[in-house]
Amino acid sequence: MSVTVFHYVFLATVLFSIGAYGLLSSRNAVRMLMSIELMLNAANINLVAFSSYLGNLSGQAFAAFTIAIAAAEAGVGMAILLALYRNFRTVNLREIKELRW
C-alpha cells in the first residue's frame, strides 16, 4: 500500500485539530505556544504534500520559509514567557491580571 496525498492531509488534519484543541483548552502559555507550533507544522505538511502531488517545488520552498519564521516566533515567544515568569512567577495566563485593563 502506497502513501497518497489523502494520508498526508489526514495526518495534517489530525495534527491541526490537536493543536487547535490545545490552544483553546489550555491557559498555560507554554502549552499554547506548543499548540501554535503544532498547527504550523500541520500547515507545512499540507504545503509539502500538495507541492509533491502537483510536481512543483514552490510549496516546499514556502514550507522551508515558514519553518524559519516559526523558529523565530518560538524564540521570541519563549523570551516573552521568560520575562512573564520573572515578573509574575507563573506562566498561567489566567493568573496574570496586571496585563488586563
Protein backbone atom coordinates (compact mmCIF):
# COMPACT_ATOMS: atom_id res chain seq x y z
CA MET A 1 0.00 0.00 0.00
CA SER A 2 1.46 3.31 -1.05
CA VAL A 3 1.13 6.57 0.81
CA THR A 4 -1.11 9.01 -1.05
CA VAL A 5 -1.92 12.68 -0.63
CA PHE A 6 -5.03 11.69 1.35
CA HIS A 7 -2.83 10.17 4.06
CA TYR A 8 -0.81 13.36 4.40
CA VAL A 9 -3.92 15.51 4.50
CA PHE A 10 -5.46 13.24 7.14
CA LEU A 11 -2.29 13.45 9.24
CA ALA A 12 -2.22 17.23 8.90
CA THR A 13 -5.90 17.44 9.87
CA VAL A 14 -5.30 15.37 12.99
CA LEU A 15 -2.26 17.45 13.98
CA PHE A 16 -4.08 20.71 13.34
CA SER A 17 -7.07 19.53 15.39
CA ILE A 18 -4.84 18.54 18.30
CA GLY A 19 -3.13 21.93 18.13
CA ALA A 20 -6.44 23.82 17.98
CA TYR A 21 -7.78 21.85 20.95
CA GLY A 22 -4.61 22.55 22.92
CA LEU A 23 -4.78 26.24 22.08
CA LEU A 24 -8.42 26.61 23.07
CA SER A 25 -8.41 24.43 26.18
CA SER A 26 -5.20 25.49 27.92
CA ARG A 27 -4.28 28.77 29.55
CA ASN A 28 -0.69 27.76 30.16
CA ALA A 29 1.39 29.95 27.87
CA VAL A 30 3.97 27.25 27.11
CA ARG A 31 1.25 24.79 26.05
CA MET A 32 -0.35 27.47 23.91
CA LEU A 33 2.96 28.18 22.18
CA MET A 34 3.49 24.47 21.54
CA SER A 35 -0.04 24.17 20.14
CA ILE A 36 0.60 27.03 17.72
CA GLU A 37 3.80 25.31 16.57
CA LEU A 38 1.87 22.07 16.05
CA MET A 39 -0.67 23.89 13.90
CA LEU A 40 2.11 25.49 11.83
CA ASN A 41 3.68 22.06 11.26
CA ALA A 42 0.33 20.71 10.10
CA ALA A 43 0.13 23.51 7.55
CA ASN A 44 3.69 22.71 6.41
CA ILE A 45 2.75 19.05 5.89
CA ASN A 46 -0.10 20.18 3.63
CA LEU A 47 2.19 22.51 1.69
CA VAL A 48 4.76 19.79 1.06
CA ALA A 49 2.14 17.13 0.24
CA PHE A 50 0.33 19.24 -2.34
CA SER A 51 3.59 20.53 -3.77
CA SER A 52 4.79 16.98 -4.29
CA TYR A 53 1.44 15.95 -5.75
CA LEU A 54 1.40 18.82 -8.23
CA GLY A 55 5.03 18.33 -9.21
CA ASN A 56 6.44 21.77 -8.44
CA LEU A 57 8.76 22.89 -5.67
CA SER A 58 7.14 26.18 -4.71
CA GLY A 59 5.21 24.66 -1.80
CA GLN A 60 8.34 23.02 -0.43
CA ALA A 61 10.26 26.30 -0.63
CA PHE A 62 7.43 28.09 1.12
CA ALA A 63 7.38 25.38 3.82
CA ALA A 64 11.11 25.91 4.43
CA PHE A 65 10.46 29.65 4.75
CA THR A 66 7.63 29.09 7.25
CA ILE A 67 9.83 26.75 9.30
CA ALA A 68 12.38 29.56 9.62
CA ILE A 69 9.63 32.02 10.61
CA ALA A 70 8.25 29.51 13.15
CA ALA A 71 11.70 29.15 14.72
CA ALA A 72 11.97 32.92 15.12
CA GLU A 73 8.44 33.06 16.53
CA ALA A 74 9.26 30.34 19.05
CA GLY A 75 12.37 32.20 20.16
CA VAL A 76 10.51 35.48 20.66
CA GLY A 77 7.63 33.69 22.36
CA MET A 78 9.92 31.92 24.80
CA ALA A 79 11.67 35.21 25.58
CA ILE A 80 8.31 36.82 26.37
CA LEU A 81 7.35 33.84 28.53
CA LEU A 82 10.64 34.06 30.40
CA ALA A 83 10.01 37.76 31.11
CA LEU A 84 6.47 36.97 32.30
CA TYR A 85 7.75 34.23 34.57
CA ARG A 86 10.40 36.50 36.07
CA ASN A 87 7.82 39.20 36.85
CA PHE A 88 4.81 37.12 37.93
CA ARG A 89 6.31 33.71 38.89
CA THR A 90 3.76 31.92 36.72
CA VAL A 91 3.05 31.20 33.06
CA ASN A 92 -0.67 30.61 33.62
CA LEU A 93 -2.37 33.40 31.72
CA ARG A 94 -5.44 33.36 33.98
CA GLU A 95 -3.32 34.32 36.98
CA ILE A 96 -1.66 37.28 35.28
CA LYS A 97 -4.15 40.08 35.93
CA GLU A 98 -1.94 43.15 35.57
CA LEU A 99 -1.88 42.88 31.79
CA ARG A 100 -5.68 43.23 31.56
CA TRP A 101 -7.42 46.59 31.54
